Amino acid sequence: MRGINLLGLAVPLIVSVAPVAAFAQAAETKPNAVAKASDVASEETIIAGPNEEEVICKRDKPTGTRVATKRVCKTARLWNLERIEMRRTVERGQNERMKEGN
């Protein structure tokens, strides 16, 4: 009689632990997939003079594709100017929304 009671407890315990193990295994594989996706993007640097005249080539990967990449080369100064302009555009858009919301 006592053996049947232990068996009755063991089966629900095994069934309840199985989903946790499957979830843990799935969680372990996700960071690897992210790392592989980031490995695709690459940056090449070709030095052509002083720091501001350093040519930096980046591979631009269009959204929605894994294969097609486009190589874009600019000086460090131009990359910085583009980054600053993008930031200003985003901040301007955020400020406009703040003015409309009040």
PDB file of N, CA and C in Angstrom:
ATOM      1  N   MET A   1       0.815  -1.177   0.000  1.00  0.00           N
ATOM      2  CA  MET A   1       0.000   0.000   0.000  1.00  0.00           C
ATOM      3  C   MET A   1       0.867   1.253   0.000  1.00  0.00           C
ATOM      4  N   ARG A   2       1.948   1.228   0.783  1.00  0.00           N
ATOM      5  CA  ARG A   2       2.830   2.383   0.893  1.00  0.00           C
ATOM      6  C   ARG A   2       3.581   2.615  -0.423  1.00  0.00           C
ATOM      7  N   GLY A   3       3.962   1.581  -1.142  1.00  0.00           N
ATOM      8  CA  GLY A   3       4.654   1.702  -2.415  1.00  0.00           C
ATOM      9  C   GLY A   3       3.797   2.377  -3.470  1.00  0.00           C
ATOM     10  N   ILE A   4       2.545   2.140  -3.477  1.00  0.00           N
ATOM     11  CA  ILE A   4       1.633   2.768  -4.429  1.00  0.00           C
ATOM     12  C   ILE A   4       1.548   4.264  -4.160  1.00  0.00           C
ATOM     13  N   ASN A   5       1.584   4.661  -2.922  1.00  0.00           N
ATOM     14  CA  ASN A   5       1.514   6.068  -2.559  1.00  0.00           C
ATOM     15  C   ASN A   5       2.741   6.825  -3.066  1.00  0.00           C
ATOM     16  N   LEU A   6       3.933   6.251  -2.948  1.00  0.00           N
ATOM     17  CA  LEU A   6       5.153   6.890  -3.446  1.00  0.00           C
ATOM     18  C   LEU A   6       5.130   6.998  -4.967  1.00  0.00           C
ATOM     19  N   LEU A   7       4.634   5.977  -5.620  1.00  0.00           N
ATOM     20  CA  LEU A   7       4.524   6.011  -7.071  1.00  0.00           C
ATOM     21  C   LEU A   7       3.541   7.096  -7.502  1.00  0.00           C
ATOM     22  N   GLY A   8       2.483   7.246  -6.736  1.00  0.00           N
ATOM     23  CA  GLY A   8       1.495   8.283  -7.026  1.00  0.00           C
ATOM     24  C   GLY A   8       2.082   9.683  -6.888  1.00  0.00           C
ATOM     25  N   LEU A   9       3.075   9.866  -6.041  1.00  0.00           N
ATOM     26  CA  LEU A   9       3.743  11.163  -5.884  1.00  0.00           C
ATOM     27  C   LEU A   9       4.844  11.364  -6.919  1.00  0.00           C
ATOM     28  N   ALA A  10       5.499  10.307  -7.326  1.00  0.00           N
ATOM     29  CA  ALA A  10       6.623  10.418  -8.254  1.00  0.00           C
ATOM     30  C   ALA A  10       6.172  10.841  -9.650  1.00  0.00           C
ATOM     31  N   VAL A  11       5.075  10.315 -10.130  1.00  0.00           N
ATOM     32  CA  VAL A  11       4.609  10.636 -11.482  1.00  0.00           C
ATOM     33  C   VAL A  11       4.265  12.126 -11.619  1.00  0.00           C
ATOM     34  N   PRO A  12       3.466  12.721 -10.721  1.00  0.00           N
ATOM     35  CA  PRO A  12       3.195  14.158 -10.864  1.00  0.00           C
ATOM     36  C   PRO A  12       4.460  15.016 -10.729  1.00  0.00           C
ATOM     37  N   LEU A  13       5.389  14.574  -9.891  1.00  0.00           N
ATOM     38  CA  LEU A  13       6.637  15.315  -9.727  1.00  0.00           C
ATOM     39  C   LEU A  13       7.442  15.321 -11.025  1.00  0.00           C
ATOM     40  N   ILE A  14       7.562  14.198 -11.673  1.00  0.00           N
ATOM     41  CA  ILE A  14       8.299  14.107 -12.941  1.00  0.00           C
ATOM     42  C   ILE A  14       7.608  14.927 -14.024  1.00  0.00           C
ATOM     43  N   VAL A  15       6.293  14.858 -14.073  1.00  0.00           N
ATOM     44  CA  VAL A  15       5.538  15.600 -15.081  1.00  0.00           C
ATOM     45  C   VAL A  15       5.669  17.104 -14.855  1.00  0.00           C
ATOM     46  N   SER A  16       5.728  17.544 -13.597  1.00  0.00           N
ATOM     47  CA  SER A  16       5.825  18.983 -13.324  1.00  0.00           C
ATOM     48  C   SER A  16       7.228  19.526 -13.566  1.00  0.00           C
ATOM     49  N   VAL A  17       8.260  18.709 -13.480  1.00  0.00           N
ATOM     50  CA  VAL A  17       9.640  19.158 -13.682  1.00  0.00           C
ATOM     51  C   VAL A  17      10.000  19.203 -15.168  1.00  0.00           C
ATOM     52  N   ALA A  18       9.386  18.415 -16.002  1.00  0.00           N
ATOM     53  CA  ALA A  18       9.726  18.350 -17.424  1.00  0.00           C
ATOM     54  C   ALA A  18       9.583  19.700 -18.132  1.00  0.00           C
ATOM     55  N   PRO A  19       8.497  20.469 -17.942  1.00  0.00           N
ATOM     56  CA  PRO A  19       8.416  21.773 -18.627  1.00  0.00           C
ATOM     57  C   PRO A  19       9.500  22.756 -18.179  1.00  0.00           C
ATOM     58  N   VAL A  20       9.891  22.693 -16.918  1.00  0.00           N
ATOM     59  CA  VAL A  20      10.944  23.580 -16.415  1.00  0.00           C
ATOM     60  C   VAL A  20      12.264  23.269 -17.110  1.00  0.00           C
ATOM     61  N   ALA A  21      12.571  22.006 -17.289  1.00  0.00           N
ATOM     62  CA  ALA A  21      13.805  21.620 -17.971  1.00  0.00           C
ATOM     63  C   ALA A  21      13.777  22.057 -19.431  1.00  0.00           C
ATOM     64  N   ALA A  22      12.638  21.927 -20.075  1.00  0.00           N
ATOM     65  CA  ALA A  22      12.525  22.349 -21.478  1.00  0.00           C
ATOM     66  C   ALA A  22      12.682  23.859 -21.597  1.00  0.00           C
ATOM     67  N   PHE A  23      12.117  24.612 -20.662  1.00  0.00           N
ATOM     68  CA  PHE A  23      12.242  26.071 -20.676  1.00  0.00           C
ATOM     69  C   PHE A  23      13.696  26.482 -20.460  1.00  0.00           C
ATOM     70  N   ALA A  24      14.386  25.829 -19.537  1.00  0.00           N
ATOM     71  CA  ALA A  24      15.792  26.146 -19.276  1.00  0.00           C
ATOM     72  C   ALA A  24      16.644  25.868 -20.505  1.00  0.00           C
ATOM     73  N   GLN A  25      16.367  24.790 -21.207  1.00  0.00           N
ATOM     74  CA  GLN A  25      17.123  24.466 -22.411  1.00  0.00           C
ATOM     75  C   GLN A  25      16.867  25.500 -23.498  1.00  0.00           C
ATOM     76  N   ALA A  26      15.628  25.954 -23.660  1.00  0.00           N
ATOM     77  CA  ALA A  26      15.300  26.973 -24.657  1.00  0.00           C
ATOM     78  C   ALA A  26      15.965  28.296 -24.307  1.00  0.00           C
ATOM     79  N   ALA A  27      16.027  28.638 -23.022  1.00  0.00           N
ATOM     80  CA  ALA A  27      16.655  29.890 -22.592  1.00  0.00           C
ATOM     81  C   ALA A  27      18.154  29.872 -22.872  1.00  0.00           C
ATOM     82  N   GLU A  28      18.778  28.706 -22.789  1.00  0.00           N
ATOM     83  CA  GLU A  28      20.211  28.603 -23.063  1.00  0.00           C
ATOM     84  C   GLU A  28      20.524  28.796 -24.538  1.00  0.00           C
ATOM     85  N   THR A  29      19.634  28.430 -25.426  1.00  0.00           N
ATOM     86  CA  THR A  29      19.921  28.529 -26.855  1.00  0.00           C
ATOM     87  C   THR A  29      19.689  29.929 -27.398  1.00  0.00           C
ATOM     88  N   LYS A  30      18.867  30.743 -26.776  1.00  0.00           N
ATOM     89  CA  LYS A  30      18.577  32.080 -27.287  1.00  0.00           C
ATOM     90  C   LYS A  30      19.795  32.994 -27.319  1.00  0.00           C
ATOM     91  N   PRO A  31      20.624  33.086 -26.261  1.00  0.00           N
ATOM     92  CA  PRO A  31      21.795  33.962 -26.358  1.00  0.00           C
ATOM     93  C   PRO A  31      22.733  33.567 -27.488  1.00  0.00           C
ATOM     94  N   ASN A  32      22.852  32.284 -27.782  1.00  0.00           N
ATOM     95  CA  ASN A  32      23.709  31.857 -28.887  1.00  0.00           C
ATOM     96  C   ASN A  32      23.185  32.374 -30.211  1.00  0.00           C
ATOM     97  N   ALA A  33      21.867  32.374 -30.392  1.00  0.00           N
ATOM     98  CA  ALA A  33      21.283  32.871 -31.636  1.00  0.00           C
ATOM     99  C   ALA A  33      21.551  34.358 -31.785  1.00  0.00           C
ATOM    100  N   VAL A  34      21.482  35.100 -30.688  1.00  0.00           N
ATOM    101  CA  VAL A  34      21.758  36.535 -30.737  1.00  0.00           C
ATOM    102  C   VAL A  34      23.219  36.773 -31.071  1.00  0.00           C
ATOM    103  N   ALA A  35      24.100  35.992 -30.493  1.00  0.00           N
ATOM    104  CA  ALA A  35      25.525  36.156 -30.772  1.00  0.00           C
ATOM    105  C   ALA A  35      25.816  35.885 -32.243  1.00  0.00           C
ATOM    106  N   LYS A  36      25.172  34.887 -32.821  1.00  0.00           N
ATOM    107  CA  LYS A  36      25.403  34.583 -34.228  1.00  0.00           C
ATOM    108  C   LYS A  36      24.913  35.719 -35.120  1.00  0.00           C
ATOM    109  N   ALA A  37      23.789  36.322 -34.769  1.00  0.00           N
ATOM    110  CA  ALA A  37      23.267  37.428 -35.570  1.00  0.00           C
ATOM    111  C   ALA A  37      24.204  38.621 -35.511  1.00  0.00           C
ATOM    112  N   SER A  38      24.809  38.878 -34.354  1.00  0.00           N
ATOM    113  CA  SER A  38      25.715  40.019 -34.244  1.00  0.00           C
ATOM    114  C   SER A  38      27.046  39.744 -34.936  1.00  0.00           C
ATOM    115  N   ASP A  39      27.399  38.481 -35.111  1.00  0.00           N
ATOM    116  CA  ASP A  39      28.639  38.147 -35.806  1.00  0.00           C
ATOM    117  C   ASP A  39      28.561  38.495 -37.289  1.00  0.00           C
ATOM    118  N   VAL A  40      27.357  38.572 -37.837  1.00  0.00           N
ATOM    119  CA  VAL A  40      27.187  38.850 -39.262  1.00  0.00           C
ATOM    120  C   VAL A  40      27.636  40.265 -39.590  1.00  0.00           C
ATOM    121  N   ALA A  41      27.300  41.219 -38.721  1.00  0.00           N
ATOM    122  CA  ALA A  41      27.692  42.610 -38.962  1.00  0.00           C
ATOM    123  C   ALA A  41      29.194  42.736 -38.736  1.00  0.00           C
ATOM    124  N   SER A  42      29.872  43.385 -39.660  1.00  0.00           N
ATOM    125  CA  SER A  42      31.310  43.547 -39.507  1.00  0.00           C
ATOM    126  C   SER A  42      31.701  44.971 -39.831  1.00  0.00           C
ATOM    127  N   GLU A  43      32.840  45.365 -39.337  1.00  0.00           N
ATOM    128  CA  GLU A  43      33.344  46.705 -39.581  1.00  0.00           C
ATOM    129  C   GLU A  43      34.810  46.590 -39.964  1.00  0.00           C
ATOM    130  N   GLU A  44      35.163  47.220 -41.048  1.00  0.00           N
ATOM    131  CA  GLU A  44      36.543  47.215 -41.505  1.00  0.00           C
ATOM    132  C   GLU A  44      37.085  48.626 -41.391  1.00  0.00           C
ATOM    133  N   THR A  45      38.315  48.763 -40.952  1.00  0.00           N
ATOM    134  CA  THR A  45      38.927  50.077 -40.849  1.00  0.00           C
ATOM    135  C   THR A  45      40.145  50.122 -41.754  1.00  0.00           C
ATOM    136  N   ILE A  46      40.181  51.127 -42.603  1.00  0.00           N
ATOM    137  CA  ILE A  46      41.323  51.341 -43.489  1.00  0.00           C
ATOM    138  C   ILE A  46      41.896  52.709 -43.148  1.00  0.00           C
ATOM    139  N   ILE A  47      43.106  52.751 -42.657  1.00  0.00           N
ATOM    140  CA  ILE A  47      43.710  54.013 -42.239  1.00  0.00           C
ATOM    141  C   ILE A  47      44.270  54.736 -43.456  1.00  0.00           C
ATOM    142  N   ALA A  48      43.895  56.027 -43.579  1.00  0.00           N
ATOM    143  CA  ALA A  48      44.347  56.803 -44.732  1.00  0.00           C
ATOM    144  C   ALA A  48      44.889  58.167 -44.321  1.00  0.00           C
ATOM    145  N   GLY A  49      45.365  58.320 -43.104  1.00  0.00           N
ATOM    146  CA  GLY A  49      45.907  59.604 -42.662  1.00  0.00           C
ATOM    147  C   GLY A  49      45.610  59.854 -41.195  1.00  0.00           C
ATOM    148  N   PRO A  50      45.538  61.156 -40.804  1.00  0.00           N
ATOM    149  CA  PRO A  50      45.221  61.489 -39.411  1.00  0.00           C
ATOM    150  C   PRO A  50      43.860  60.921 -38.999  1.00  0.00           C
ATOM    151  N   ASN A  51      43.579  60.960 -37.697  1.00  0.00           N
ATOM    152  CA  ASN A  51      42.359  60.342 -37.166  1.00  0.00           C
ATOM    153  C   ASN A  51      41.086  60.784 -37.870  1.00  0.00           C
ATOM    154  N   GLU A  52      40.916  62.073 -38.141  1.00  0.00           N
ATOM    155  CA  GLU A  52      39.685  62.540 -38.784  1.00  0.00           C
ATOM    156  C   GLU A  52      39.610  62.089 -40.239  1.00  0.00           C
ATOM    157  N   GLU A  53      40.741  61.778 -40.825  1.00  0.00           N
ATOM    158  CA  GLU A  53      40.759  61.338 -42.219  1.00  0.00           C
ATOM    159  C   GLU A  53      40.807  59.815 -42.335  1.00  0.00           C
ATOM    160  N   GLU A  54      40.695  59.126 -41.224  1.00  0.00           N
ATOM    161  CA  GLU A  54      40.686  57.670 -41.224  1.00  0.00           C
ATOM    162  C   GLU A  54      39.419  57.189 -41.930  1.00  0.00           C
ATOM    163  N   VAL A  55      39.583  56.299 -42.874  1.00  0.00           N
ATOM    164  CA  VAL A  55      38.442  55.774 -43.625  1.00  0.00           C
ATOM    165  C   VAL A  55      37.927  54.531 -42.911  1.00  0.00           C
ATOM    166  N   ILE A  56      36.625  54.540 -42.631  1.00  0.00           N
ATOM    167  CA  ILE A  56      35.985  53.420 -41.949  1.00  0.00           C
ATOM    168  C   ILE A  56      34.926  52.851 -42.880  1.00  0.00           C
ATOM    169  N   CYS A  57      35.042  51.567 -43.151  1.00  0.00           N
ATOM    170  CA  CYS A  57      34.063  50.887 -44.004  1.00  0.00           C
ATOM    171  C   CYS A  57      33.189  49.998 -43.128  1.00  0.00           C
ATOM    172  N   LYS A  58      31.889  50.125 -43.303  1.00  0.00           N
ATOM    173  CA  LYS A  58      30.938  49.307 -42.556  1.00  0.00           C
ATOM    174  C   LYS A  58      30.060  48.570 -43.545  1.00  0.00           C
ATOM    175  N   ARG A  59      29.635  47.401 -43.145  1.00  0.00           N
ATOM    176  CA  ARG A  59      28.711  46.630 -43.969  1.00  0.00           C
ATOM    177  C   ARG A  59      27.303  46.911 -43.465  1.00  0.00           C
ATOM    178  N   ASP A  60      26.483  47.464 -44.344  1.00  0.00           N
ATOM    179  CA  ASP A  60      25.107  47.809 -44.024  1.00  0.00           C
ATOM    180  C   ASP A  60      24.212  46.659 -44.446  1.00  0.00           C
ATOM    181  N   LYS A  61      23.470  46.126 -43.501  1.00  0.00           N
ATOM    182  CA  LYS A  61      22.589  44.996 -43.770  1.00  0.00           C
ATOM    183  C   LYS A  61      21.153  45.506 -43.803  1.00  0.00           C
ATOM    184  N   PRO A  62      20.513  45.519 -44.973  1.00  0.00           N
ATOM    185  CA  PRO A  62      19.129  45.993 -45.060  1.00  0.00           C
ATOM    186  C   PRO A  62      18.194  45.146 -44.204  1.00  0.00           C
ATOM    187  N   THR A  63      17.170  45.781 -43.657  1.00  0.00           N
ATOM    188  CA  THR A  63      16.196  45.081 -42.835  1.00  0.00           C
ATOM    189  C   THR A  63      15.453  44.048 -43.670  1.00  0.00           C
ATOM    190  N   GLY A  64      15.316  42.859 -43.106  1.00  0.00           N
ATOM    191  CA  GLY A  64      14.556  41.816 -43.778  1.00  0.00           C
ATOM    192  C   GLY A  64      15.390  40.858 -44.595  1.00  0.00           C
ATOM    193  N   THR A  65      16.703  41.009 -44.579  1.00  0.00           N
ATOM    194  CA  THR A  65      17.544  40.088 -45.333  1.00  0.00           C
ATOM    195  C   THR A  65      18.727  39.666 -44.478  1.00  0.00           C
ATOM    196  N   ARG A  66      19.195  38.470 -44.703  1.00  0.00           N
ATOM    197  CA  ARG A  66      20.365  37.977 -43.988  1.00  0.00           C
ATOM    198  C   ARG A  66      21.580  37.899 -44.900  1.00  0.00           C
ATOM    199  N   VAL A  67      21.346  37.962 -46.185  1.00  0.00           N
ATOM    200  CA  VAL A  67      22.413  37.721 -47.140  1.00  0.00           C
ATOM    201  C   VAL A  67      22.976  39.013 -47.709  1.00  0.00           C
ATOM    202  N   ALA A  68      22.124  39.856 -48.247  1.00  0.00           N
ATOM    203  CA  ALA A  68      22.576  41.052 -48.960  1.00  0.00           C
ATOM    204  C   ALA A  68      23.178  42.074 -47.999  1.00  0.00           C
ATOM    205  N   THR A  69      24.412  42.460 -48.261  1.00  0.00           N
ATOM    206  CA  THR A  69      25.046  43.527 -47.499  1.00  0.00           C
ATOM    207  C   THR A  69      25.613  44.536 -48.475  1.00  0.00           C
ATOM    208  N   LYS A  70      25.700  45.762 -48.008  1.00  0.00           N
ATOM    209  CA  LYS A  70      26.223  46.833 -48.834  1.00  0.00           C
ATOM    210  C   LYS A  70      27.364  47.481 -48.060  1.00  0.00           C
ATOM    211  N   ARG A  71      28.500  47.628 -48.694  1.00  0.00           N
ATOM    212  CA  ARG A  71      29.668  48.201 -48.042  1.00  0.00           C
ATOM    213  C   ARG A  71      29.648  49.715 -48.230  1.00  0.00           C
ATOM    214  N   VAL A  72      29.721  50.449 -47.099  1.00  0.00           N
ATOM    215  CA  VAL A  72      29.704  51.906 -47.115  1.00  0.00           C
ATOM    216  C   VAL A  72      30.990  52.388 -46.462  1.00  0.00           C
ATOM    217  N   CYS A  73      31.767  53.203 -47.195  1.00  0.00           N
ATOM    218  CA  CYS A  73      33.030  53.728 -46.679  1.00  0.00           C
ATOM    219  C   CYS A  73      32.936  55.247 -46.566  1.00  0.00           C
ATOM    220  N   LYS A  74      33.311  55.765 -45.399  1.00  0.00           N
ATOM    221  CA  LYS A  74      33.332  57.207 -45.147  1.00  0.00           C
ATOM    222  C   LYS A  74      34.481  57.494 -44.196  1.00  0.00           C
ATOM    223  N   THR A  75      34.856  58.771 -44.139  1.00  0.00           N
ATOM    224  CA  THR A  75      35.881  59.153 -43.170  1.00  0.00           C
ATOM    225  C   THR A  75      35.255  59.162 -41.782  1.00  0.00           C
ATOM    226  N   ALA A  76      36.113  59.098 -40.767  1.00  0.00           N
ATOM    227  CA  ALA A  76      35.628  59.118 -39.387  1.00  0.00           C
ATOM    228  C   ALA A  76      34.829  60.387 -39.120  1.00  0.00           C
ATOM    229  N   ARG A  77      35.263  61.501 -39.692  1.00  0.00           N
ATOM    230  CA  ARG A  77      34.563  62.773 -39.502  1.00  0.00           C
ATOM    231  C   ARG A  77      33.152  62.702 -40.077  1.00  0.00           C
ATOM    232  N   LEU A  78      33.000  62.122 -41.260  1.00  0.00           N
ATOM    233  CA  LEU A  78      31.675  62.007 -41.876  1.00  0.00           C
ATOM    234  C   LEU A  78      30.758  61.059 -41.098  1.00  0.00           C
ATOM    235  N   TRP A  79      31.319  59.943 -40.587  1.00  0.00           N
ATOM    236  CA  TRP A  79      30.518  59.031 -39.766  1.00  0.00           C
ATOM    237  C   TRP A  79      30.019  59.757 -38.522  1.00  0.00           C
ATOM    238  N   ASN A  80      30.905  60.559 -37.893  1.00  0.00           N
ATOM    239  CA  ASN A  80      30.510  61.295 -36.691  1.00  0.00           C
ATOM    240  C   ASN A  80      29.436  62.328 -37.007  1.00  0.00           C
ATOM    241  N   LEU A  81      29.591  63.052 -38.120  1.00  0.00           N
ATOM    242  CA  LEU A  81      28.580  64.041 -38.506  1.00  0.00           C
ATOM    243  C   LEU A  81      27.225  63.377 -38.767  1.00  0.00           C
ATOM    244  N   GLU A  82      27.249  62.227 -39.420  1.00  0.00           N
ATOM    245  CA  GLU A  82      26.008  61.504 -39.699  1.00  0.00           C
ATOM    246  C   GLU A  82      25.345  61.041 -38.405  1.00  0.00           C
ATOM    247  N   ARG A  83      26.157  60.548 -37.474  1.00  0.00           N
ATOM    248  CA  ARG A  83      25.632  60.091 -36.185  1.00  0.00           C
ATOM    249  C   ARG A  83      25.001  61.248 -35.413  1.00  0.00           C
ATOM    250  N   ILE A  84      25.679  62.410 -35.416  1.00  0.00           N
ATOM    251  CA  ILE A  84      25.160  63.588 -34.720  1.00  0.00           C
ATOM    252  C   ILE A  84      23.852  64.051 -35.354  1.00  0.00           C
ATOM    253  N   GLU A  85      23.795  64.063 -36.673  1.00  0.00           N
ATOM    254  CA  GLU A  85      22.581  64.496 -37.371  1.00  0.00           C
ATOM    255  C   GLU A  85      21.417  63.548 -37.092  1.00  0.00           C
ATOM    256  N   MET A  86      21.677  62.247 -37.075  1.00  0.00           N
ATOM    257  CA  MET A  86      20.621  61.278 -36.756  1.00  0.00           C
ATOM    258  C   MET A  86      20.100  61.503 -35.339  1.00  0.00           C
ATOM    259  N   ARG A  87      21.023  61.745 -34.425  1.00  0.00           N
ATOM    260  CA  ARG A  87      20.635  61.974 -33.031  1.00  0.00           C
ATOM    261  C   ARG A  87      19.775  63.230 -32.911  1.00  0.00           C
ATOM    262  N   ARG A  88      20.166  64.304 -33.597  1.00  0.00           N
ATOM    263  CA  ARG A  88      19.382  65.549 -33.565  1.00  0.00           C
ATOM    264  C   ARG A  88      17.987  65.331 -34.126  1.00  0.00           C
ATOM    265  N   THR A  89      17.897  64.561 -35.199  1.00  0.00           N
ATOM    266  CA  THR A  89      16.594  64.285 -35.808  1.00  0.00           C
ATOM    267  C   THR A  89      15.687  63.537 -34.834  1.00  0.00           C
ATOM    268  N   VAL A  90      16.237  62.542 -34.161  1.00  0.00           N
ATOM    269  CA  VAL A  90      15.449  61.773 -33.195  1.00  0.00           C
ATOM    270  C   VAL A  90      15.021  62.666 -32.037  1.00  0.00           C
ATOM    271  N   GLU A  91      15.954  63.468 -31.506  1.00  0.00           N
ATOM    272  CA  GLU A  91      15.621  64.353 -30.390  1.00  0.00           C
ATOM    273  C   GLU A  91      14.572  65.381 -30.802  1.00  0.00           C
ATOM    274  N   ARG A  92      14.677  65.904 -32.012  1.00  0.00           N
ATOM    275  CA  ARG A  92      13.702  66.873 -32.506  1.00  0.00           C
ATOM    276  C   ARG A  92      12.315  66.232 -32.569  1.00  0.00           C
ATOM    277  N   GLY A  93      12.243  65.015 -33.072  1.00  0.00           N
ATOM    278  CA  GLY A  93      10.965  64.305 -33.136  1.00  0.00           C
ATOM    279  C   GLY A  93      10.385  64.041 -31.756  1.00  0.00           C
ATOM    280  N   GLN A  94      11.242  63.686 -30.801  1.00  0.00           N
ATOM    281  CA  GLN A  94      10.769  63.445 -29.441  1.00  0.00           C
ATOM    282  C   GLN A  94      10.282  64.736 -28.799  1.00  0.00           C
ATOM    283  N   ASN A  95      10.984  65.843 -29.037  1.00  0.00           N
ATOM    284  CA  ASN A  95      10.572  67.126 -28.474  1.00  0.00           C
ATOM    285  C   ASN A  95       9.250  67.589 -29.069  1.00  0.00           C
ATOM    286  N   GLU A  96       9.043  67.346 -30.359  1.00  0.00           N
ATOM    287  CA  GLU A  96       7.783  67.720 -30.998  1.00  0.00           C
ATOM    288  C   GLU A  96       6.620  66.960 -30.363  1.00  0.00           C
ATOM    289  N   ARG A  97       6.820  65.694 -30.078  1.00  0.00           N
ATOM    290  CA  ARG A  97       5.764  64.897 -29.446  1.00  0.00           C
ATOM    291  C   ARG A  97       5.473  65.401 -28.045  1.00  0.00           C
ATOM    292  N   MET A  98       6.525  65.832 -27.338  1.00  0.00           N
ATOM    293  CA  MET A  98       6.330  66.358 -25.986  1.00  0.00           C
ATOM    294  C   MET A  98       5.507  67.641 -26.028  1.00  0.00           C
ATOM    295  N   LYS A  99       5.745  68.502 -27.011  1.00  0.00           N
ATOM    296  CA  LYS A  99       4.991  69.754 -27.129  1.00  0.00           C
ATOM    297  C   LYS A  99       3.531  69.479 -27.460  1.00  0.00           C
ATOM    298  N   GLU A 100       3.281  68.498 -28.311  1.00  0.00           N
ATOM    299  CA  GLU A 100       1.913  68.154 -28.690  1.00  0.00           C
ATOM    300  C   GLU A 100       1.160  67.525 -27.530  1.00  0.00           C
ATOM    301  N   GLY A 101       1.852  66.771 -26.689  1.00  0.00           N
ATOM    302  CA  GLY A 101       1.217  66.072 -25.571  1.00  0.00           C
ATOM    303  C   GLY A 101       0.782  67.000 -24.457  1.00  0.00           C
ATOM    304  N   ASN A 102       1.395  68.158 -24.308  1.00  0.00           N
ATOM    305  CA  ASN A 102       1.051  69.075 -23.210  1.00  0.00           C
ATOM    306  C   ASN A 102      -0.038  69.982 -23.542  1.00  0.00           C
TER     307      ASN A 102
END
